[in-house]
C-alpha atoms as a PDB file:
ATOM      1  CA  VAL A   1     -43.801   7.230  25.719  1.00  0.00           C
ATOM      2  CA  ALA A   2     -41.166   4.697  24.628  1.00  0.00           C
ATOM      3  CA  ASP A   3     -40.473   6.773  21.520  1.00  0.00           C
ATOM      4  CA  PHE A   4     -39.991   9.830  23.738  1.00  0.00           C
ATOM      5  CA  PHE A   5     -37.446   7.988  25.886  1.00  0.00           C
ATOM      6  CA  THR A   6     -35.659   6.786  22.729  1.00  0.00           C
ATOM      7  CA  LEU A   7     -35.452  10.303  21.275  1.00  0.00           C
ATOM      8  CA  THR A   8     -34.127  11.657  24.572  1.00  0.00           C
ATOM      9  CA  LYS A   9     -31.544   8.835  24.758  1.00  0.00           C
ATOM     10  CA  GLN A  10     -33.120   7.152  27.773  1.00  0.00           C
ATOM     11  CA  CYS A  11     -33.087   3.744  26.126  1.00  0.00           C
ATOM     12  CA  GLU A  12     -33.067   1.683  29.313  1.00  0.00           C
ATOM     13  CA  ARG A  13     -36.448   3.220  30.207  1.00  0.00           C
ATOM     14  CA  ALA A  14     -37.781   2.692  26.690  1.00  0.00           C
ATOM     15  CA  ILE A  15     -37.002  -1.048  26.509  1.00  0.00           C
ATOM     16  CA  PRO A  16     -39.692  -2.367  28.910  1.00  0.00           C
ATOM     17  CA  LEU A  17     -42.281  -0.082  27.304  1.00  0.00           C
ATOM     18  CA  TYR A  18     -41.562  -1.384  23.801  1.00  0.00           C
ATOM     19  CA  GLN A  19     -41.749  -4.915  25.194  1.00  0.00           C
ATOM     20  CA  ARG A  20     -45.230  -4.145  26.583  1.00  0.00           C
ATOM     21  CA  VAL A  21     -46.322  -2.704  23.244  1.00  0.00           C
ATOM     22  CA  LEU A  22     -45.120  -5.794  21.379  1.00  0.00           C
ATOM     23  CA  SER A  23     -46.726  -8.171  23.857  1.00  0.00           C
ATOM     24  CA  SER A  24     -50.054  -6.535  23.020  1.00  0.00           C
ATOM     25  CA  ASP A  25     -49.448  -6.098  19.290  1.00  0.00           C
ATOM     26  CA  PRO A  26     -46.383  -7.916  17.793  1.00  0.00           C
ATOM     27  CA  ASP A  27     -46.822  -6.021  14.521  1.00  0.00           C
ATOM     28  CA  PHE A  28     -47.087  -2.514  15.975  1.00  0.00           C
ATOM     29  CA  GLY A  29     -45.377  -0.248  13.456  1.00  0.00           C
ATOM     30  CA  GLY A  30     -41.698   0.446  14.189  1.00  0.00           C
ATOM     31  CA  ALA A  31     -41.747  -0.920  17.750  1.00  0.00           C
ATOM     32  CA  LEU A  32     -39.544  -3.933  17.011  1.00  0.00           C
ATOM     33  CA  GLU A  33     -36.917  -1.855  15.165  1.00  0.00           C
ATOM     34  CA  ASN A  34     -36.884   0.698  17.965  1.00  0.00           C
ATOM     35  CA  LEU A  35     -36.526  -2.019  20.588  1.00  0.00           C
ATOM     36  CA  ALA A  36     -33.509  -3.384  18.703  1.00  0.00           C
ATOM     37  CA  LEU A  37     -32.054   0.134  18.518  1.00  0.00           C
ATOM     38  CA  CYS A  38     -32.483   0.599  22.272  1.00  0.00           C
ATOM     39  CA  TYR A  39     -30.813  -2.728  22.999  1.00  0.00           C
ATOM     40  CA  ALA A  40     -27.856  -1.676  20.820  1.00  0.00           C
ATOM     41  CA  ARG A  41     -27.563   1.742  22.471  1.00  0.00           C
ATOM     42  CA  SER A  42     -27.707   0.098  25.902  1.00  0.00           C
ATOM     43  CA  GLY A  43     -24.776  -2.172  25.093  1.00  0.00           C
ATOM     44  CA  LYS A  44     -26.967  -5.294  24.898  1.00  0.00           C
ATOM     45  CA  SER A  45     -25.539  -6.457  21.583  1.00  0.00           C
ATOM     46  CA  LYS A  46     -26.799 -10.039  21.660  1.00  0.00           C
ATOM     47  CA  GLU A  47     -30.362  -8.944  22.402  1.00  0.00           C
ATOM     48  CA  ALA A  48     -30.091  -6.310  19.683  1.00  0.00           C
ATOM     49  CA  ILE A  49     -28.939  -8.860  17.093  1.00  0.00           C
ATOM     50  CA  ASP A  50     -31.714 -11.284  18.057  1.00  0.00           C
ATOM     51  CA  THR A  51     -34.291  -8.509  17.756  1.00  0.00           C
ATOM     52  CA  TYR A  52     -32.998  -7.314  14.382  1.00  0.00           C
ATOM     53  CA  GLN A  53     -33.210 -10.939  13.253  1.00  0.00           C
ATOM     54  CA  GLN A  54     -36.887 -10.886  14.247  1.00  0.00           C
ATOM     55  CA  VAL A  55     -37.280  -7.776  12.100  1.00  0.00           C
ATOM     56  CA  ILE A  56     -35.801  -9.667   9.150  1.00  0.00           C
ATOM     57  CA  ASP A  57     -37.940 -12.723   9.837  1.00  0.00           C
ATOM     58  CA  LYS A  58     -41.025 -10.501   9.531  1.00  0.00           C
ATOM     59  CA  ASP A  59     -39.748  -8.633   6.467  1.00  0.00           C
ATOM     60  CA  ALA A  60     -36.619  -9.884   4.690  1.00  0.00           C
ATOM     61  CA  THR A  61     -36.349  -6.647   2.689  1.00  0.00           C
ATOM     62  CA  LYS A  62     -35.391  -4.591   5.763  1.00  0.00           C
ATOM     63  CA  ILE A  63     -31.854  -3.943   4.552  1.00  0.00           C
ATOM     64  CA  GLY A  64     -31.014  -1.686   7.496  1.00  0.00           C
ATOM     65  CA  ALA A  65     -31.442  -4.621   9.868  1.00  0.00           C
ATOM     66  CA  TYR A  66     -28.729  -6.566   8.035  1.00  0.00           C
ATOM     67  CA  ASP A  67     -26.369  -3.593   8.349  1.00  0.00           C
ATOM     68  CA  GLU A  68     -27.099  -3.274  12.060  1.00  0.00           C
ATOM     69  CA  ILE A  69     -26.518  -6.994  12.635  1.00  0.00           C
ATOM     70  CA  ALA A  70     -23.205  -6.747  10.772  1.00  0.00           C
ATOM     71  CA  ASP A  71     -21.989  -3.779  12.815  1.00  0.00           C
ATOM     72  CA  LEU A  72     -22.974  -5.371  16.109  1.00  0.00           C
ATOM     73  CA  ALA A  73     -21.424  -8.703  15.159  1.00  0.00           C
ATOM     74  CA  ILE A  74     -18.166  -6.976  14.212  1.00  0.00           C
ATOM     75  CA  GLN A  75     -18.115  -5.277  17.624  1.00  0.00           C
ATOM     76  CA  MET A  76     -18.587  -8.686  19.260  1.00  0.00           C
ATOM     77  CA  GLY A  77     -15.846 -10.261  17.137  1.00  0.00           C
ATOM     78  CA  ASP A  78     -18.316 -12.519  15.332  1.00  0.00           C
ATOM     79  CA  ASN A  79     -16.931 -11.908  11.849  1.00  0.00           C
ATOM     80  CA  ASN A  80     -18.680 -14.931  10.378  1.00  0.00           C
ATOM     81  CA  ARG A  81     -22.147 -13.636  11.257  1.00  0.00           C
ATOM     82  CA  ALA A  82     -21.159 -10.144  10.137  1.00  0.00           C
ATOM     83  CA  LEU A  83     -19.987 -11.431   6.764  1.00  0.00           C
ATOM     84  CA  THR A  84     -23.225 -13.368   6.259  1.00  0.00           C
ATOM     85  CA  ALA A  85     -25.316 -10.268   6.995  1.00  0.00           C
ATOM     86  CA  LEU A  86     -23.177  -8.071   4.758  1.00  0.00           C
ATOM     87  CA  ARG A  87     -23.405 -10.517   1.862  1.00  0.00           C
ATOM     88  CA  GLN A  88     -27.189 -10.420   2.074  1.00  0.00           C
ATOM     89  CA  ALA A  89     -27.216  -6.616   2.208  1.00  0.00           C
ATOM     90  CA  MET A  90     -24.859  -6.435  -0.787  1.00  0.00           C
ATOM     91  CA  LEU A  91     -27.180  -8.695  -2.793  1.00  0.00           C
ATOM     92  CA  MET A  92     -30.060  -6.347  -2.068  1.00  0.00           C
ATOM     93  CA  ASP A  93     -28.137  -3.117  -2.629  1.00  0.00           C
ATOM     94  CA  ALA A  94     -24.665  -3.043  -4.164  1.00  0.00           C
ATOM     95  CA  SER A  95     -24.350   0.751  -4.096  1.00  0.00           C
ATOM     96  CA  ASP A  96     -22.702   1.153  -0.678  1.00  0.00           C
ATOM     97  CA  PRO A  97     -18.893   0.839  -0.777  1.00  0.00           C
ATOM     98  CA  MET A  98     -18.696   0.586   3.016  1.00  0.00           C
ATOM     99  CA  ARG A  99     -20.432  -2.790   2.914  1.00  0.00           C
ATOM    100  CA  TYR A 100     -17.733  -4.098   0.594  1.00  0.00           C
ATOM    101  CA  GLU A 101     -14.978  -2.746   2.809  1.00  0.00           C
ATOM    102  CA  LYS A 102     -16.449  -4.354   5.931  1.00  0.00           C
ATOM    103  CA  ALA A 103     -17.161  -7.643   4.131  1.00  0.00           C
ATOM    104  CA  GLY A 104     -13.630  -7.879   2.747  1.00  0.00           C
ATOM    105  CA  ASP A 105     -12.134  -7.109   6.148  1.00  0.00           C
ATOM    106  CA  CYS A 106     -14.281  -9.809   7.793  1.00  0.00           C
ATOM    107  CA  ALA A 107     -13.222 -12.314   5.135  1.00  0.00           C
ATOM    108  CA  LEU A 108      -9.547 -11.537   5.799  1.00  0.00           C
ATOM    109  CA  LYS A 109     -10.006 -11.943   9.550  1.00  0.00           C
ATOM    110  CA  LEU A 110     -11.698 -15.299   8.942  1.00  0.00           C
ATOM    111  CA  SER A 111      -8.799 -16.346   6.673  1.00  0.00           C
ATOM    112  CA  LYS A 112     -11.251 -16.613   3.788  1.00  0.00           C
ATOM    113  CA  ILE A 113      -8.624 -15.060   1.569  1.00  0.00           C
ATOM    114  CA  ASP A 114     -10.114 -16.071  -1.777  1.00  0.00           C
ATOM    115  CA  ASP A 115     -13.429 -14.545  -0.713  1.00  0.00           C
ATOM    116  CA  ALA A 116     -11.655 -11.319   0.237  1.00  0.00           C
ATOM    117  CA  VAL A 117      -9.949 -11.187  -3.165  1.00  0.00           C
ATOM    118  CA  LYS A 118     -13.320 -11.603  -4.910  1.00  0.00           C
ATOM    119  CA  ILE A 119     -15.003  -8.951  -2.752  1.00  0.00           C
ATOM    120  CA  PHE A 120     -12.293  -6.346  -3.306  1.00  0.00           C
ATOM    121  CA  THR A 121     -12.011  -7.172  -7.004  1.00  0.00           C
ATOM    122  CA  GLU A 122     -15.747  -6.578  -7.426  1.00  0.00           C
ATOM    123  CA  ALA A 123     -15.537  -3.412  -5.342  1.00  0.00           C
ATOM    124  CA  ARG A 124     -12.804  -2.018  -7.623  1.00  0.00           C
ATOM    125  CA  ILE A 125     -15.081  -2.501 -10.607  1.00  0.00           C
ATOM    126  CA  ARG A 126     -18.146  -1.014  -8.920  1.00  0.00           C
ATOM    127  CA  PHE A 127     -16.350   1.932  -7.329  1.00  0.00           C
ATOM    128  CA  PRO A 128     -13.528   3.012  -9.689  1.00  0.00           C
ATOM    129  CA  SER A 129     -13.202   6.362  -7.921  1.00  0.00           C
ATOM    130  CA  GLU A 130     -12.323   4.646  -4.602  1.00  0.00           C
ATOM    131  CA  PRO A 131      -8.604   3.759  -4.773  1.00  0.00           C
ATOM    132  CA  GLU A 132      -8.776   2.294  -1.258  1.00  0.00           C
ATOM    133  CA  PHE A 133     -10.175  -0.888  -2.783  1.00  0.00           C
ATOM    134  CA  THR A 134      -7.034  -1.275  -4.898  1.00  0.00           C
ATOM    135  CA  HIS A 135      -5.021  -0.986  -1.681  1.00  0.00           C
ATOM    136  CA  PHE A 136      -7.208  -3.597   0.047  1.00  0.00           C
ATOM    137  CA  LEU A 137      -6.969  -5.918  -2.955  1.00  0.00           C
ATOM    138  CA  GLY A 138      -3.174  -5.723  -2.755  1.00  0.00           C
ATOM    139  CA  ILE A 139      -3.305  -6.855   0.882  1.00  0.00           C
ATOM    140  CA  ALA A 140      -5.649  -9.737   0.037  1.00  0.00           C
ATOM    141  CA  LEU A 141      -3.531 -10.893  -2.918  1.00  0.00           C
ATOM    142  CA  SER A 142      -0.430 -10.864  -0.718  1.00  0.00           C
ATOM    143  CA  GLN A 143      -2.177 -13.042   1.875  1.00  0.00           C
ATOM    144  CA  ALA A 144      -3.279 -15.344  -0.939  1.00  0.00           C
ATOM    145  CA  ASN A 145       0.414 -15.781  -1.851  1.00  0.00           C
ATOM    146  CA  ARG A 146      -0.234 -14.183  -5.234  1.00  0.00           C
ATOM    147  CA  HIS A 147       2.776 -11.983  -4.735  1.00  0.00           C
ATOM    148  CA  ALA A 148       3.498 -10.840  -8.285  1.00  0.00           C
ATOM    149  CA  GLU A 149      -0.095  -9.663  -8.666  1.00  0.00           C
ATOM    150  CA  ALA A 150       0.004  -8.002  -5.244  1.00  0.00           C
ATOM    151  CA  MET A 151       3.057  -5.937  -6.173  1.00  0.00           C
ATOM    152  CA  GLN A 152       1.413  -4.797  -9.406  1.00  0.00           C
ATOM    153  CA  VAL A 153      -1.767  -3.843  -7.556  1.00  0.00           C
ATOM    154  CA  PHE A 154       0.108  -1.811  -4.920  1.00  0.00           C
ATOM    155  CA  GLU A 155       1.855   0.116  -7.686  1.00  0.00           C
ATOM    156  CA  ARG A 156      -1.523   0.639  -9.322  1.00  0.00           C
ATOM    157  CA  ALA A 157      -2.882   1.941  -6.015  1.00  0.00           C
ATOM    158  CA  ILE A 158      -0.128   4.568  -5.893  1.00  0.00           C
ATOM    159  CA  PHE A 159      -1.065   5.733  -9.390  1.00  0.00           C
ATOM    160  CA  GLU A 160      -4.807   5.805  -8.666  1.00  0.00           C
ATOM    161  CA  ALA A 161      -4.432   7.570  -5.324  1.00  0.00           C
ATOM    162  CA  GLY A 162      -2.097  10.153  -6.826  1.00  0.00           C
ATOM    163  CA  ASN A 163      -4.790  11.090  -9.321  1.00  0.00           C
ATOM    164  CA  GLN A 164      -7.817  10.849  -7.053  1.00  0.00           C
ATOM    165  CA  ARG A 165      -6.919  10.724  -3.362  1.00  0.00           C
ATOM    166  CA  PRO A 166      -3.282  11.488  -2.530  1.00  0.00           C
ATOM    167  CA  GLY A 167      -4.071  11.488   1.191  1.00  0.00           C
ATOM    168  CA  MET A 168      -4.494   7.713   0.991  1.00  0.00           C
ATOM    169  CA  LEU A 169      -0.741   7.344   0.498  1.00  0.00           C
ATOM    170  CA  ASP A 170       0.033   7.624   4.185  1.00  0.00           C
ATOM    171  CA  SER A 171       2.269   5.748   6.610  1.00  0.00           C
ATOM    172  CA  HIS A 172      -0.200   2.847   6.883  1.00  0.00           C
ATOM    173  CA  PHE A 173      -0.325   2.376   3.125  1.00  0.00           C
ATOM    174  CA  TYR A 174       3.457   2.162   2.771  1.00  0.00           C
ATOM    175  CA  CYS A 175       3.609  -0.200   5.757  1.00  0.00           C
ATOM    176  CA  ASP A 176       1.153  -2.537   4.047  1.00  0.00           C
ATOM    177  CA  TYR A 177       3.109  -2.276   0.794  1.00  0.00           C
ATOM    178  CA  GLY A 178       6.375  -2.971   2.587  1.00  0.00           C
ATOM    179  CA  MET A 179       5.052  -6.050   4.362  1.00  0.00           C
ATOM    180  CA  ALA A 180       3.600  -7.368   1.100  1.00  0.00           C
ATOM    181  CA  ALA A 181       6.966  -6.810  -0.603  1.00  0.00           C
ATOM    182  CA  GLU A 182       8.702  -8.733   2.180  1.00  0.00           C
ATOM    183  CA  GLU A 183       6.287 -11.639   1.670  1.00  0.00           C
ATOM    184  CA  ALA A 184       7.119 -11.463  -2.038  1.00  0.00           C
ATOM    185  CA  LYS A 185      10.831 -11.696  -1.112  1.00  0.00           C
ATOM    186  CA  GLN A 186      11.455  -8.294  -2.666  1.00  0.00           C
ATOM    187  CA  TYR A 187      13.545  -7.245   0.300  1.00  0.00           C
ATOM    188  CA  GLY A 188      14.936  -4.074  -1.237  1.00  0.00           C
ATOM    189  CA  LYS A 189      11.444  -2.815  -2.044  1.00  0.00           C
ATOM    190  CA  ALA A 190      10.239  -3.860   1.413  1.00  0.00           C
ATOM    191  CA  GLU A 191      12.987  -1.876   3.124  1.00  0.00           C
ATOM    192  CA  GLU A 192      12.275   1.158   0.919  1.00  0.00           C
ATOM    193  CA  MET A 193       8.539   1.141   1.657  1.00  0.00           C
ATOM    194  CA  LEU A 194       8.885   0.477   5.405  1.00  0.00           C
ATOM    195  CA  LYS A 195      11.446   3.245   5.809  1.00  0.00           C
ATOM    196  CA  LYS A 196       9.142   5.584   3.883  1.00  0.00           C
ATOM    197  CA  SER A 197       6.321   4.651   6.241  1.00  0.00           C
ATOM    198  CA  ILE A 198       8.524   5.422   9.256  1.00  0.00           C
ATOM    199  CA  ASP A 199       9.718   8.734   7.834  1.00  0.00           C
ATOM    200  CA  MET A 200       6.127   9.872   7.261  1.00  0.00           C
ATOM    201  CA  ASP A 201       5.005   9.304  10.867  1.00  0.00           C
ATOM    202  CA  PRO A 202       7.866   8.133  13.109  1.00  0.00           C
ATOM    203  CA  ASP A 203       5.930   8.496  16.370  1.00  0.00           C
ATOM    204  CA  HIS A 204       3.140   6.163  15.235  1.00  0.00           C
ATOM    205  CA  ALA A 205       5.065   3.730  13.042  1.00  0.00           C
ATOM    206  CA  ALA A 206       5.429   0.846  15.484  1.00  0.00           C
ATOM    207  CA  GLU A 207       4.177  -1.696  12.953  1.00  0.00           C
ATOM    208  CA  SER A 208       6.681  -0.510  10.349  1.00  0.00           C
ATOM    209  CA  TYR A 209       9.564  -0.468  12.843  1.00  0.00           C
ATOM    210  CA  ASN A 210       8.709  -4.013  13.843  1.00  0.00           C
ATOM    211  CA  ALA A 211       8.246  -5.287  10.279  1.00  0.00           C
ATOM    212  CA  LEU A 212      11.582  -3.827   9.200  1.00  0.00           C
ATOM    213  CA  GLY A 213      13.450  -5.216  12.202  1.00  0.00           C
ATOM    214  CA  TYR A 214      11.831  -8.645  12.005  1.00  0.00           C
ATOM    215  CA  MET A 215      12.695  -8.901   8.303  1.00  0.00           C
ATOM    216  CA  TRP A 216      16.383  -8.354   9.107  1.00  0.00           C
ATOM    217  CA  VAL A 217      16.307 -10.679  12.137  1.00  0.00           C
ATOM    218  CA  ASP A 218      14.586 -13.500  10.310  1.00  0.00           C
ATOM    219  CA  ARG A 219      17.269 -13.332   7.619  1.00  0.00           C
ATOM    220  CA  GLY A 220      20.038 -13.119  10.238  1.00  0.00           C
ATOM    221  CA  GLU A 221      21.396  -9.790   9.009  1.00  0.00           C
ATOM    222  CA  ARG A 222      21.957  -6.253  10.341  1.00  0.00           C
ATOM    223  CA  LEU A 223      21.064  -7.366  13.865  1.00  0.00           C
ATOM    224  CA  ASP A 224      22.319  -4.169  15.499  1.00  0.00           C
ATOM    225  CA  GLU A 225      20.060  -2.052  13.292  1.00  0.00           C
ATOM    226  CA  ALA A 226      17.229  -4.522  13.818  1.00  0.00           C
ATOM    227  CA  GLU A 227      17.540  -4.160  17.585  1.00  0.00           C
ATOM    228  CA  VAL A 228      17.181  -0.381  17.334  1.00  0.00           C
ATOM    229  CA  VAL A 229      13.967  -0.477  15.320  1.00  0.00           C
ATOM    230  CA  ILE A 230      12.385  -3.392  17.190  1.00  0.00           C
ATOM    231  CA  ARG A 231      13.015  -1.746  20.558  1.00  0.00           C
ATOM    232  CA  LYS A 232      11.498   1.423  19.114  1.00  0.00           C
ATOM    233  CA  ALA A 233       8.352  -0.552  18.230  1.00  0.00           C
ATOM    234  CA  VAL A 234       8.200  -1.992  21.762  1.00  0.00           C
ATOM    235  CA  GLU A 235       8.712   1.490  23.219  1.00  0.00           C
ATOM    236  CA  ILE A 236       5.719   2.804  21.265  1.00  0.00           C
ATOM    237  CA  ASP A 237       3.497  -0.210  22.070  1.00  0.00           C
ATOM    238  CA  PRO A 238       5.011  -2.091  25.035  1.00  0.00           C
ATOM    239  CA  ASN A 239       2.254  -4.695  25.346  1.00  0.00           C
ATOM    240  CA  ASN A 240       2.093  -5.745  21.721  1.00  0.00           C
ATOM    241  CA  ALA A 241       2.781  -9.482  21.667  1.00  0.00           C
ATOM    242  CA  MET A 242       4.063  -9.490  18.088  1.00  0.00           C
ATOM    243  CA  TYR A 243       6.651  -6.821  18.829  1.00  0.00           C
ATOM    244  CA  ILE A 244       7.781  -8.679  21.950  1.00  0.00           C
ATOM    245  CA  ASP A 245       8.037 -11.869  19.884  1.00  0.00           C
ATOM    246  CA  SER A 246      10.285  -9.968  17.462  1.00  0.00           C
ATOM    247  CA  LEU A 247      12.461  -8.863  20.391  1.00  0.00           C
ATOM    248  CA  GLY A 248      12.671 -12.434  21.645  1.00  0.00           C
ATOM    249  CA  TRP A 249      13.594 -13.698  18.181  1.00  0.00           C
ATOM    250  CA  LEU A 250      16.275 -11.009  17.945  1.00  0.00           C
ATOM    251  CA  LEU A 251      17.752 -12.161  21.261  1.00  0.00           C
ATOM    252  CA  TYR A 252      17.676 -15.725  19.943  1.00  0.00           C
ATOM    253  CA  LYS A 253      19.606 -14.692  16.834  1.00  0.00           C
ATOM    254  CA  GLN A 254      22.098 -12.873  19.083  1.00  0.00           C
ATOM    255  CA  GLY A 255      22.691 -16.094  21.015  1.00  0.00           C
ATOM    256  CA  LYS A 256      21.021 -14.802  24.196  1.00  0.00           C
ATOM    257  CA  TYR A 257      18.794 -17.834  24.558  1.00  0.00           C
ATOM    258  CA  GLN A 258      17.699 -17.449  28.175  1.00  0.00           C
ATOM    259  CA  ASP A 259      16.713 -13.819  27.595  1.00  0.00           C
ATOM    260  CA  ALA A 260      14.959 -14.920  24.397  1.00  0.00           C
ATOM    261  CA  VAL A 261      12.846 -17.445  26.299  1.00  0.00           C
ATOM    262  CA  ALA A 262      11.770 -14.782  28.800  1.00  0.00           C
ATOM    263  CA  GLN A 263      10.587 -12.394  26.084  1.00  0.00           C
ATOM    264  CA  LEU A 264       8.970 -15.121  23.985  1.00  0.00           C
ATOM    265  CA  GLN A 265       7.112 -16.507  26.998  1.00  0.00           C
ATOM    266  CA  ARG A 266       5.847 -13.011  27.721  1.00  0.00           C
ATOM    267  CA  ALA A 267       4.601 -12.733  24.139  1.00  0.00           C
ATOM    268  CA  SER A 268       2.843 -16.080  24.543  1.00  0.00           C
ATOM    269  CA  GLU A 269       1.161 -14.941  27.762  1.00  0.00           C
ATOM    270  CA  LEU A 270      -0.129 -11.793  26.060  1.00  0.00           C
ATOM    271  CA  LEU A 271      -1.560 -14.020  23.327  1.00  0.00           C
ATOM    272  CA  SER A 272      -3.199 -16.471  25.742  1.00  0.00           C
ATOM    273  CA  ASN A 273      -6.647 -15.810  24.246  1.00  0.00           C
ATOM    274  CA  HIS A 274      -5.385 -15.978  20.661  1.00  0.00           C
ATOM    275  CA  PRO A 275      -2.278 -18.226  20.634  1.00  0.00           C
ATOM    276  CA  ASP A 276       0.113 -17.955  17.708  1.00  0.00           C
ATOM    277  CA  ALA A 277       1.906 -20.883  16.043  1.00  0.00           C
ATOM    278  CA  VAL A 278       5.024 -18.861  15.203  1.00  0.00           C
ATOM    279  CA  VAL A 279       5.497 -17.692  18.791  1.00  0.00           C
ATOM    280  CA  PHE A 280       5.272 -21.284  20.045  1.00  0.00           C
ATOM    281  CA  GLU A 281       7.783 -22.362  17.401  1.00  0.00           C
ATOM    282  CA  HIS A 282      10.190 -19.622  18.490  1.00  0.00           C
ATOM    283  CA  ILE A 283       9.908 -20.707  22.137  1.00  0.00           C
ATOM    284  CA  GLY A 284      10.660 -24.287  21.135  1.00  0.00           C
ATOM    285  CA  ASP A 285      13.697 -23.177  19.133  1.00  0.00           C
ATOM    286  CA  ALA A 286      15.057 -21.233  22.101  1.00  0.00           C
ATOM    287  CA  TYR A 287      14.591 -24.165  24.479  1.00  0.00           C
ATOM    288  CA  GLN A 288      16.384 -26.412  22.003  1.00  0.00           C
ATOM    289  CA  LYS A 289      19.408 -24.107  22.072  1.00  0.00           C
ATOM    290  CA  LEU A 290      19.370 -24.328  25.881  1.00  0.00           C
ATOM    291  CA  GLY A 291      19.435 -28.130  25.638  1.00  0.00           C
ATOM    292  CA  GLN A 292      15.961 -28.410  27.172  1.00  0.00           C
ATOM    293  CA  PHE A 293      14.667 -30.774  24.524  1.00  0.00           C
ATOM    294  CA  ALA A 294      11.484 -31.892  26.291  1.00  0.00           C
ATOM    295  CA  GLN A 295      10.370 -28.265  26.625  1.00  0.00           C
ATOM    296  CA  ALA A 296      11.276 -27.638  23.016  1.00  0.00           C
ATOM    297  CA  VAL A 297       9.120 -30.533  21.833  1.00  0.00           C
ATOM    298  CA  LEU A 298       6.247 -29.384  24.050  1.00  0.00           C
ATOM    299  CA  TYR A 299       6.130 -25.941  22.419  1.00  0.00           C
ATOM    300  CA  TRP A 300       6.629 -27.270  18.904  1.00  0.00           C
ATOM    301  CA  GLN A 301       3.666 -29.574  19.490  1.00  0.00           C
ATOM    302  CA  LYS A 302       1.626 -26.540  20.538  1.00  0.00           C
ATOM    303  CA  SER A 303       2.708 -24.873  17.311  1.00  0.00           C
ATOM    304  CA  ILE A 304       1.654 -27.903  15.252  1.00  0.00           C
ATOM    305  CA  GLY A 305      -1.701 -27.894  17.023  1.00  0.00           C
ATOM    306  CA  LEU A 306      -2.341 -24.479  15.467  1.00  0.00           C
ATOM    307  CA  ASP A 307      -0.569 -25.126  12.158  1.00  0.00           C
ATOM    308  CA  PRO A 308      -0.678 -28.884  11.488  1.00  0.00           C
ATOM    309  CA  LYS A 309       0.763 -28.631   7.962  1.00  0.00           C
ATOM    310  CA  ASN A 310       4.041 -27.001   9.011  1.00  0.00           C
ATOM    311  CA  LYS A 311       6.582 -29.578   7.817  1.00  0.00           C
ATOM    312  CA  VAL A 312       9.525 -27.623   9.231  1.00  0.00           C
ATOM    313  CA  VAL A 313       8.199 -27.871  12.782  1.00  0.00           C
ATOM    314  CA  LEU A 314       7.241 -31.524  12.309  1.00  0.00           C
ATOM    315  CA  ALA A 315      10.834 -32.265  11.257  1.00  0.00           C
ATOM    316  CA  LYS A 316      12.139 -30.485  14.367  1.00  0.00           C
ATOM    317  CA  ILE A 317       9.888 -32.598  16.580  1.00  0.00           C
ATOM    318  CA  ASP A 318      11.063 -35.830  14.947  1.00  0.00           C
ATOM    319  CA  ASP A 319      14.708 -34.897  15.239  1.00  0.00           C
ATOM    320  CA  VAL A 320      14.656 -33.689  18.835  1.00  0.00           C
ATOM    321  CA  SER A 321      12.285 -36.411  20.069  1.00  0.00           C
ATOM    322  CA  LYS A 322      15.017 -38.926  19.267  1.00  0.00           C
ATOM    323  CA  LYS A 323      17.452 -36.942  21.417  1.00  0.00           C
ATOM    324  CA  VAL A 324      14.966 -36.933  24.302  1.00  0.00           C
ATOM    325  CA  VAL A 325      14.668 -40.709  24.045  1.00  0.00           C
ATOM    326  CA  ASP A 326      18.454 -41.086  23.851  1.00  0.00           C
ATOM    327  CA  GLN A 327      18.862 -38.962  26.993  1.00  0.00           C
ATOM    328  CA  LYS A 328      16.520 -41.318  28.888  1.00  0.00           C
ATOM    329  CA  THR A 329      17.995 -44.522  27.547  1.00  0.00           C
ATOM    330  CA  VAL A 330      20.391 -46.344  29.843  1.00  0.00           C
ATOM    331  CA  THR A 331      22.934 -48.350  27.902  1.00  0.00           C
ATOM    332  CA  THR A 332      24.013 -51.620  29.568  1.00  0.00           C
ATOM    333  CA  PRO A 333      27.530 -52.896  28.783  1.00  0.00           C
END
């Protein structure tokens, strides 16, 4: 009866029946896997993961259970557990390129950049007809600050895709290439690639608009053009904290410090669940320009809390902290 409810997509009704089966016979064929499936289909991800883990505990060769755990963990944002499950599945069967793609993406999200480089490097060797892995490797190398290699790999990706999968060379690809070129300080190449990305899909190129504008703003150049493209990014995705941060940083560079604080604070509020060190640093910089040194130090300290090795921000705190003390010091004749 439980199998009938599962096949007819009535999983909520199947769950208690599978539980009764398993309470009578814990090894009843397929019942545990089907219970896990019903939990997953019912949106009970934690219960599904725990049940798939029971499947593995009974038989560690059940490779499908590792894949299911990985997918559910990714949905829950638990990239560490997903990566662990994917690694085990890849050891058992290295023939599925999707496992490598998911594992590399999890490693990047966990800032395990060296692991991501290794995963995508191996994937390129195993799946030479999949140029996407060359693209992904370029992203990972850029994040690993191996910029010269990243640029070579992106060029290689263009060659491979042109021969095997030209559709891969879309707006997203050129956006990734452009941002990697900017990190490599190849600003001319970055501008070329980001503009190409925008030209290919202008209505969905918010990330490229923002990356291009932020590059100009951060270097203090072409601010009028930067404002156009950053506001275009915000227009496409008005609640994107990174785009709003770019707008706030633009206003800062234009000397509109009060307006900058308003936009930067809004970006910070949107990132309340995932605070960003750069946004906090920008807020501190804006408060400094307004002469509100205590507020500036407060936000720089928040930035350091997320990025303790940032010597630039530490120097700002030291410098401005002295001014705060001087403001409070009463000099007696």
